[in-house]
Amino acid sequence: MKDNHCINGESCPIAKGDSGNDKHCSNPGCTVTYALKLIDGKWKLPIICTLGEQTVRYNELKRQIKGITSMMLTSSLKELEECGIVHRKAYNEVPPKVEYSLTKEGMSLTPILFNLGLWGQDLKCNERSE
């Protein structure tokens, strides 16, 4: 399997096509670009971080994510569900009960986000010391 992951537009040694031309991050097939599109937007990361290892009902999720509107929460959850990051479980009862949790794929994202947070913390600390 060819993998088109590359950083900062540099050539990826395993991303050479059959023609021998290098593929760069501007290439729509870049796996880094693809992954970032799945979690882009203002609200998807807060949703993923809030869900963590817990199952949360819609209204509780809305309460925990300050500033999110119902429309944005609904659309972001739908997009995350469509790409397999969030699982939605609806119960057939009145009043309706819906719970959200991370899928296996969503859980695999949490250590990456943790490391990204550590990286950001290091950068922030380095800025202060300069």
N, C-alpha and C. Protein backbone atom coordinates (compact mmCIF):
# COMPACT_ATOMS: atom_id res chain seq x y z
N MET A 1 0.84 -1.18 0.00
CA MET A 1 0.00 0.00 0.00
C MET A 1 0.89 1.24 0.00
N LYS A 2 0.61 2.14 -0.89
CA LYS A 2 1.34 3.40 -0.94
C LYS A 2 0.70 4.37 0.04
N ASP A 3 1.51 5.07 0.77
CA ASP A 3 1.01 6.00 1.76
C ASP A 3 1.57 7.38 1.43
N ASN A 4 0.73 8.36 1.27
CA ASN A 4 1.15 9.69 0.87
C ASN A 4 1.31 10.63 2.04
N HIS A 5 1.89 10.19 3.14
CA HIS A 5 2.06 11.14 4.24
C HIS A 5 3.36 11.90 4.04
N CYS A 6 3.24 13.20 4.16
CA CYS A 6 4.39 14.08 4.01
C CYS A 6 4.15 15.30 4.88
N ILE A 7 5.22 15.96 5.25
CA ILE A 7 5.13 17.09 6.16
C ILE A 7 5.69 18.32 5.47
N ASN A 8 5.00 19.44 5.61
CA ASN A 8 5.45 20.73 5.07
C ASN A 8 5.75 20.68 3.58
N GLY A 9 5.03 19.86 2.84
CA GLY A 9 5.22 19.81 1.39
C GLY A 9 6.48 19.09 0.95
N GLU A 10 7.21 18.49 1.88
CA GLU A 10 8.43 17.77 1.50
C GLU A 10 8.04 16.45 0.86
N SER A 11 8.93 15.95 0.01
CA SER A 11 8.67 14.66 -0.62
C SER A 11 8.67 13.56 0.41
N CYS A 12 7.74 12.68 0.28
CA CYS A 12 7.71 11.51 1.13
C CYS A 12 8.37 10.38 0.34
N PRO A 13 9.38 9.75 0.87
CA PRO A 13 10.10 8.73 0.10
C PRO A 13 9.23 7.55 -0.30
N ILE A 14 8.15 7.29 0.42
CA ILE A 14 7.31 6.17 0.05
C ILE A 14 6.08 6.62 -0.75
N ALA A 15 6.03 7.90 -1.10
CA ALA A 15 4.87 8.42 -1.81
C ALA A 15 5.13 8.66 -3.28
N LYS A 16 6.20 8.11 -3.82
CA LYS A 16 6.48 8.29 -5.24
C LYS A 16 5.46 7.49 -6.03
N GLY A 17 4.91 8.13 -7.03
CA GLY A 17 3.95 7.46 -7.88
C GLY A 17 4.66 6.58 -8.89
N ASP A 18 3.88 5.87 -9.68
CA ASP A 18 4.45 5.01 -10.71
C ASP A 18 5.27 5.79 -11.71
N SER A 19 4.92 7.06 -11.89
CA SER A 19 5.66 7.89 -12.84
C SER A 19 6.97 8.40 -12.24
N GLY A 20 7.18 8.17 -10.94
CA GLY A 20 8.40 8.63 -10.28
C GLY A 20 8.28 10.05 -9.76
N ASN A 21 7.16 10.73 -10.01
CA ASN A 21 6.97 12.10 -9.53
C ASN A 21 6.66 12.09 -8.04
N ASP A 22 7.22 13.06 -7.33
CA ASP A 22 6.95 13.16 -5.91
C ASP A 22 5.53 13.68 -5.69
N LYS A 23 4.89 13.20 -4.63
CA LYS A 23 3.59 13.71 -4.24
C LYS A 23 3.80 14.53 -2.99
N HIS A 24 3.13 15.65 -2.87
CA HIS A 24 3.31 16.57 -1.75
C HIS A 24 2.01 16.72 -0.98
N CYS A 25 2.08 17.41 0.16
CA CYS A 25 0.89 17.59 1.00
C CYS A 25 -0.23 18.32 0.28
N SER A 26 0.07 19.06 -0.76
CA SER A 26 -0.99 19.73 -1.51
C SER A 26 -1.77 18.72 -2.35
N ASN A 27 -1.23 17.52 -2.46
CA ASN A 27 -1.90 16.44 -3.20
C ASN A 27 -3.15 16.02 -2.42
N PRO A 28 -4.29 15.95 -3.08
CA PRO A 28 -5.51 15.57 -2.36
C PRO A 28 -5.44 14.17 -1.76
N GLY A 29 -4.49 13.33 -2.18
CA GLY A 29 -4.36 11.99 -1.65
C GLY A 29 -3.48 11.91 -0.41
N CYS A 30 -2.97 13.02 0.07
CA CYS A 30 -2.08 13.04 1.23
C CYS A 30 -2.84 12.57 2.47
N THR A 31 -2.30 11.61 3.17
CA THR A 31 -3.00 11.06 4.34
C THR A 31 -3.03 12.03 5.52
N VAL A 32 -2.03 12.91 5.64
CA VAL A 32 -2.05 13.92 6.70
C VAL A 32 -3.20 14.89 6.43
N THR A 33 -3.31 15.36 5.21
CA THR A 33 -4.40 16.27 4.83
C THR A 33 -5.75 15.60 5.06
N TYR A 34 -5.86 14.34 4.67
CA TYR A 34 -7.11 13.59 4.85
C TYR A 34 -7.48 13.51 6.34
N ALA A 35 -6.51 13.15 7.18
CA ALA A 35 -6.76 13.01 8.61
C ALA A 35 -7.18 14.35 9.22
N LEU A 36 -6.51 15.41 8.84
CA LEU A 36 -6.85 16.73 9.38
C LEU A 36 -8.24 17.19 8.95
N LYS A 37 -8.65 16.83 7.74
CA LYS A 37 -10.00 17.20 7.30
C LYS A 37 -11.07 16.51 8.13
N LEU A 38 -10.78 15.32 8.63
CA LEU A 38 -11.75 14.60 9.45
C LEU A 38 -12.02 15.31 10.77
N ILE A 39 -11.03 16.01 11.29
CA ILE A 39 -11.18 16.63 12.62
C ILE A 39 -11.09 18.15 12.56
N ASP A 40 -11.20 18.73 11.35
CA ASP A 40 -11.09 20.18 11.24
C ASP A 40 -12.34 20.87 11.77
N GLY A 41 -12.24 22.14 11.96
CA GLY A 41 -13.36 22.92 12.48
C GLY A 41 -13.15 23.26 13.95
N LYS A 42 -13.91 24.20 14.39
CA LYS A 42 -13.77 24.72 15.76
C LYS A 42 -14.20 23.74 16.83
N TRP A 43 -15.18 22.86 16.53
CA TRP A 43 -15.83 22.11 17.59
C TRP A 43 -15.49 20.62 17.64
N LYS A 44 -14.91 20.07 16.61
CA LYS A 44 -14.69 18.62 16.60
C LYS A 44 -13.69 18.17 17.65
N LEU A 45 -12.59 18.87 17.81
CA LEU A 45 -11.61 18.47 18.83
C LEU A 45 -12.18 18.59 20.24
N PRO A 46 -12.89 19.69 20.58
CA PRO A 46 -13.50 19.72 21.91
C PRO A 46 -14.50 18.58 22.13
N ILE A 47 -15.22 18.18 21.09
CA ILE A 47 -16.16 17.06 21.22
C ILE A 47 -15.39 15.78 21.50
N ILE A 48 -14.35 15.53 20.72
CA ILE A 48 -13.55 14.31 20.88
C ILE A 48 -12.92 14.27 22.27
N CYS A 49 -12.36 15.40 22.70
CA CYS A 49 -11.73 15.46 24.02
C CYS A 49 -12.74 15.29 25.14
N THR A 50 -13.92 15.83 24.98
CA THR A 50 -14.96 15.70 26.01
C THR A 50 -15.45 14.27 26.12
N LEU A 51 -15.61 13.61 24.98
CA LEU A 51 -16.06 12.22 25.02
C LEU A 51 -15.01 11.32 25.66
N GLY A 52 -13.74 11.52 25.30
CA GLY A 52 -12.67 10.73 25.91
C GLY A 52 -13.03 9.27 26.00
N GLU A 53 -13.02 8.73 27.20
CA GLU A 53 -13.35 7.32 27.41
C GLU A 53 -14.75 7.15 27.99
N GLN A 54 -15.57 8.19 27.91
CA GLN A 54 -16.90 8.12 28.51
C GLN A 54 -18.00 8.17 27.47
N THR A 55 -19.16 7.72 27.85
CA THR A 55 -20.36 7.83 27.04
C THR A 55 -21.15 9.00 27.60
N VAL A 56 -21.58 9.91 26.71
CA VAL A 56 -22.22 11.14 27.15
C VAL A 56 -23.51 11.36 26.36
N ARG A 57 -24.54 11.79 27.04
CA ARG A 57 -25.79 12.14 26.38
C ARG A 57 -25.66 13.53 25.76
N TYR A 58 -26.51 13.81 24.78
CA TYR A 58 -26.44 15.03 23.99
C TYR A 58 -26.42 16.30 24.86
N ASN A 59 -27.39 16.44 25.75
CA ASN A 59 -27.48 17.66 26.55
C ASN A 59 -26.28 17.83 27.48
N GLU A 60 -25.76 16.73 28.01
CA GLU A 60 -24.58 16.82 28.87
C GLU A 60 -23.37 17.25 28.05
N LEU A 61 -23.26 16.74 26.84
CA LEU A 61 -22.17 17.14 25.95
C LEU A 61 -22.27 18.62 25.64
N LYS A 62 -23.47 19.10 25.37
CA LYS A 62 -23.68 20.52 25.08
C LYS A 62 -23.32 21.39 26.29
N ARG A 63 -23.66 20.92 27.49
CA ARG A 63 -23.31 21.67 28.71
C ARG A 63 -21.79 21.74 28.92
N GLN A 64 -21.09 20.65 28.60
CA GLN A 64 -19.66 20.60 28.87
C GLN A 64 -18.83 21.40 27.86
N ILE A 65 -19.37 21.62 26.65
CA ILE A 65 -18.63 22.35 25.63
C ILE A 65 -19.18 23.78 25.58
N LYS A 66 -18.52 24.65 26.27
CA LYS A 66 -18.98 26.04 26.41
C LYS A 66 -18.99 26.75 25.06
N GLY A 67 -20.12 27.40 24.76
CA GLY A 67 -20.22 28.24 23.57
C GLY A 67 -20.73 27.55 22.32
N ILE A 68 -20.88 26.23 22.34
CA ILE A 68 -21.34 25.53 21.14
C ILE A 68 -22.86 25.65 21.04
N THR A 69 -23.35 25.88 19.83
CA THR A 69 -24.80 25.94 19.61
C THR A 69 -25.31 24.53 19.33
N SER A 70 -26.61 24.35 19.48
CA SER A 70 -27.21 23.06 19.20
C SER A 70 -26.98 22.66 17.74
N MET A 71 -27.07 23.63 16.85
CA MET A 71 -26.88 23.34 15.42
C MET A 71 -25.46 22.86 15.14
N MET A 72 -24.47 23.54 15.74
CA MET A 72 -23.08 23.15 15.52
C MET A 72 -22.76 21.81 16.16
N LEU A 73 -23.30 21.55 17.34
CA LEU A 73 -23.08 20.27 18.00
C LEU A 73 -23.68 19.14 17.18
N THR A 74 -24.90 19.33 16.71
CA THR A 74 -25.55 18.31 15.90
C THR A 74 -24.79 18.03 14.61
N SER A 75 -24.40 19.09 13.89
CA SER A 75 -23.70 18.88 12.62
C SER A 75 -22.31 18.28 12.83
N SER A 76 -21.60 18.72 13.87
CA SER A 76 -20.27 18.17 14.14
C SER A 76 -20.35 16.71 14.55
N LEU A 77 -21.32 16.36 15.39
CA LEU A 77 -21.50 14.96 15.78
C LEU A 77 -21.85 14.10 14.58
N LYS A 78 -22.69 14.62 13.70
CA LYS A 78 -23.07 13.87 12.50
C LYS A 78 -21.85 13.60 11.62
N GLU A 79 -21.00 14.63 11.42
CA GLU A 79 -19.80 14.46 10.60
C GLU A 79 -18.83 13.47 11.25
N LEU A 80 -18.66 13.56 12.57
CA LEU A 80 -17.77 12.64 13.27
C LEU A 80 -18.31 11.21 13.24
N GLU A 81 -19.62 11.08 13.26
CA GLU A 81 -20.24 9.75 13.16
C GLU A 81 -20.05 9.19 11.74
N GLU A 82 -20.24 10.02 10.73
CA GLU A 82 -20.10 9.57 9.35
C GLU A 82 -18.68 9.09 9.03
N CYS A 83 -17.68 9.69 9.66
CA CYS A 83 -16.30 9.27 9.37
C CYS A 83 -15.82 8.21 10.35
N GLY A 84 -16.68 7.74 11.25
CA GLY A 84 -16.34 6.61 12.10
C GLY A 84 -15.59 6.95 13.37
N ILE A 85 -15.60 8.20 13.79
CA ILE A 85 -14.89 8.59 15.00
C ILE A 85 -15.81 8.53 16.23
N VAL A 86 -17.09 8.85 16.02
CA VAL A 86 -18.07 8.87 17.11
C VAL A 86 -19.17 7.85 16.83
N HIS A 87 -19.59 7.17 17.91
CA HIS A 87 -20.71 6.23 17.83
C HIS A 87 -21.93 6.87 18.48
N ARG A 88 -23.06 6.78 17.80
CA ARG A 88 -24.33 7.31 18.31
C ARG A 88 -25.25 6.15 18.61
N LYS A 89 -25.75 6.09 19.84
CA LYS A 89 -26.68 5.03 20.22
C LYS A 89 -27.99 5.68 20.64
N ALA A 90 -29.04 5.39 19.87
CA ALA A 90 -30.37 5.92 20.16
C ALA A 90 -31.22 4.82 20.80
N TYR A 91 -31.89 5.18 21.89
CA TYR A 91 -32.77 4.25 22.58
C TYR A 91 -34.20 4.52 22.14
N ASN A 92 -34.96 3.47 21.94
CA ASN A 92 -36.35 3.59 21.51
C ASN A 92 -37.24 3.77 22.74
N GLU A 93 -37.26 5.00 23.24
CA GLU A 93 -38.08 5.31 24.41
C GLU A 93 -38.52 6.76 24.34
N VAL A 94 -39.49 7.10 25.21
CA VAL A 94 -39.99 8.46 25.30
C VAL A 94 -39.71 8.95 26.70
N PRO A 95 -39.06 10.10 26.88
CA PRO A 95 -38.49 10.95 25.84
C PRO A 95 -37.27 10.28 25.19
N PRO A 96 -36.92 10.73 23.99
CA PRO A 96 -35.79 10.11 23.28
C PRO A 96 -34.50 10.22 24.09
N LYS A 97 -33.73 9.16 24.04
CA LYS A 97 -32.44 9.13 24.74
C LYS A 97 -31.39 8.75 23.71
N VAL A 98 -30.35 9.60 23.59
CA VAL A 98 -29.26 9.35 22.65
C VAL A 98 -27.95 9.52 23.41
N GLU A 99 -27.05 8.57 23.21
CA GLU A 99 -25.73 8.63 23.84
C GLU A 99 -24.65 8.62 22.77
N TYR A 100 -23.56 9.31 23.07
CA TYR A 100 -22.42 9.39 22.15
C TYR A 100 -21.17 8.90 22.86
N SER A 101 -20.35 8.20 22.10
CA SER A 101 -19.07 7.72 22.61
C SER A 101 -18.09 7.65 21.44
N LEU A 102 -16.82 7.51 21.76
CA LEU A 102 -15.82 7.36 20.71
C LEU A 102 -15.78 5.91 20.26
N THR A 103 -15.60 5.72 18.97
CA THR A 103 -15.41 4.39 18.41
C THR A 103 -13.96 3.96 18.67
N LYS A 104 -13.62 2.78 18.23
CA LYS A 104 -12.23 2.31 18.33
C LYS A 104 -11.31 3.28 17.59
N GLU A 105 -11.73 3.74 16.42
CA GLU A 105 -10.94 4.70 15.65
C GLU A 105 -10.82 6.03 16.38
N GLY A 106 -11.90 6.46 17.02
CA GLY A 106 -11.88 7.69 17.80
C GLY A 106 -10.96 7.57 19.00
N MET A 107 -10.99 6.42 19.66
CA MET A 107 -10.10 6.20 20.81
C MET A 107 -8.65 6.18 20.38
N SER A 108 -8.38 5.70 19.16
CA SER A 108 -6.98 5.66 18.69
C SER A 108 -6.45 7.07 18.45
N LEU A 109 -7.32 8.04 18.36
CA LEU A 109 -6.93 9.43 18.16
C LEU A 109 -6.50 10.11 19.47
N THR A 110 -6.97 9.61 20.60
CA THR A 110 -6.71 10.29 21.87
C THR A 110 -5.22 10.37 22.24
N PRO A 111 -4.40 9.32 22.05
CA PRO A 111 -2.98 9.50 22.37
C PRO A 111 -2.29 10.48 21.43
N ILE A 112 -2.76 10.56 20.20
CA ILE A 112 -2.20 11.52 19.25
C ILE A 112 -2.50 12.94 19.72
N LEU A 113 -3.73 13.18 20.15
CA LEU A 113 -4.11 14.51 20.64
C LEU A 113 -3.37 14.84 21.94
N PHE A 114 -3.16 13.84 22.79
CA PHE A 114 -2.40 14.05 24.02
C PHE A 114 -0.98 14.49 23.67
N ASN A 115 -0.35 13.80 22.74
CA ASN A 115 1.02 14.16 22.33
C ASN A 115 1.06 15.52 21.65
N LEU A 116 0.03 15.85 20.88
CA LEU A 116 -0.05 17.16 20.26
C LEU A 116 -0.14 18.25 21.33
N GLY A 117 -0.89 17.97 22.39
CA GLY A 117 -0.99 18.90 23.51
C GLY A 117 0.35 19.09 24.21
N LEU A 118 1.09 18.01 24.39
CA LEU A 118 2.42 18.11 24.99
C LEU A 118 3.36 18.93 24.12
N TRP A 119 3.27 18.72 22.82
CA TRP A 119 4.08 19.47 21.86
C TRP A 119 3.75 20.96 21.96
N GLY A 120 2.46 21.28 22.00
CA GLY A 120 2.03 22.67 22.14
C GLY A 120 2.49 23.28 23.45
N GLN A 121 2.45 22.50 24.52
CA GLN A 121 2.90 22.99 25.82
C GLN A 121 4.40 23.30 25.78
N ASP A 122 5.17 22.42 25.14
CA ASP A 122 6.61 22.67 25.01
C ASP A 122 6.88 23.94 24.23
N LEU A 123 6.15 24.14 23.14
CA LEU A 123 6.34 25.35 22.33
C LEU A 123 5.98 26.60 23.12
N LYS A 124 4.89 26.52 23.85
CA LYS A 124 4.44 27.66 24.65
C LYS A 124 5.46 28.00 25.73
N CYS A 125 6.01 26.98 26.37
CA CYS A 125 7.03 27.20 27.41
C CYS A 125 8.30 27.78 26.79
N ASN A 126 8.67 27.32 25.61
CA ASN A 126 9.87 27.84 24.93
C ASN A 126 9.68 29.30 24.55
N GLU A 127 8.47 29.72 24.17
CA GLU A 127 8.22 31.12 23.83
C GLU A 127 8.42 32.01 25.05
N ARG A 128 7.98 31.54 26.21
CA ARG A 128 8.11 32.32 27.44
C ARG A 128 9.56 32.51 27.84
N SER A 129 10.37 31.49 27.59
CA SER A 129 11.77 31.55 28.03
C SER A 129 12.67 32.36 27.10
N GLU A 130 12.14 32.71 25.93
CA GLU A 130 12.97 33.48 24.98
C GLU A 130 12.89 34.97 25.24
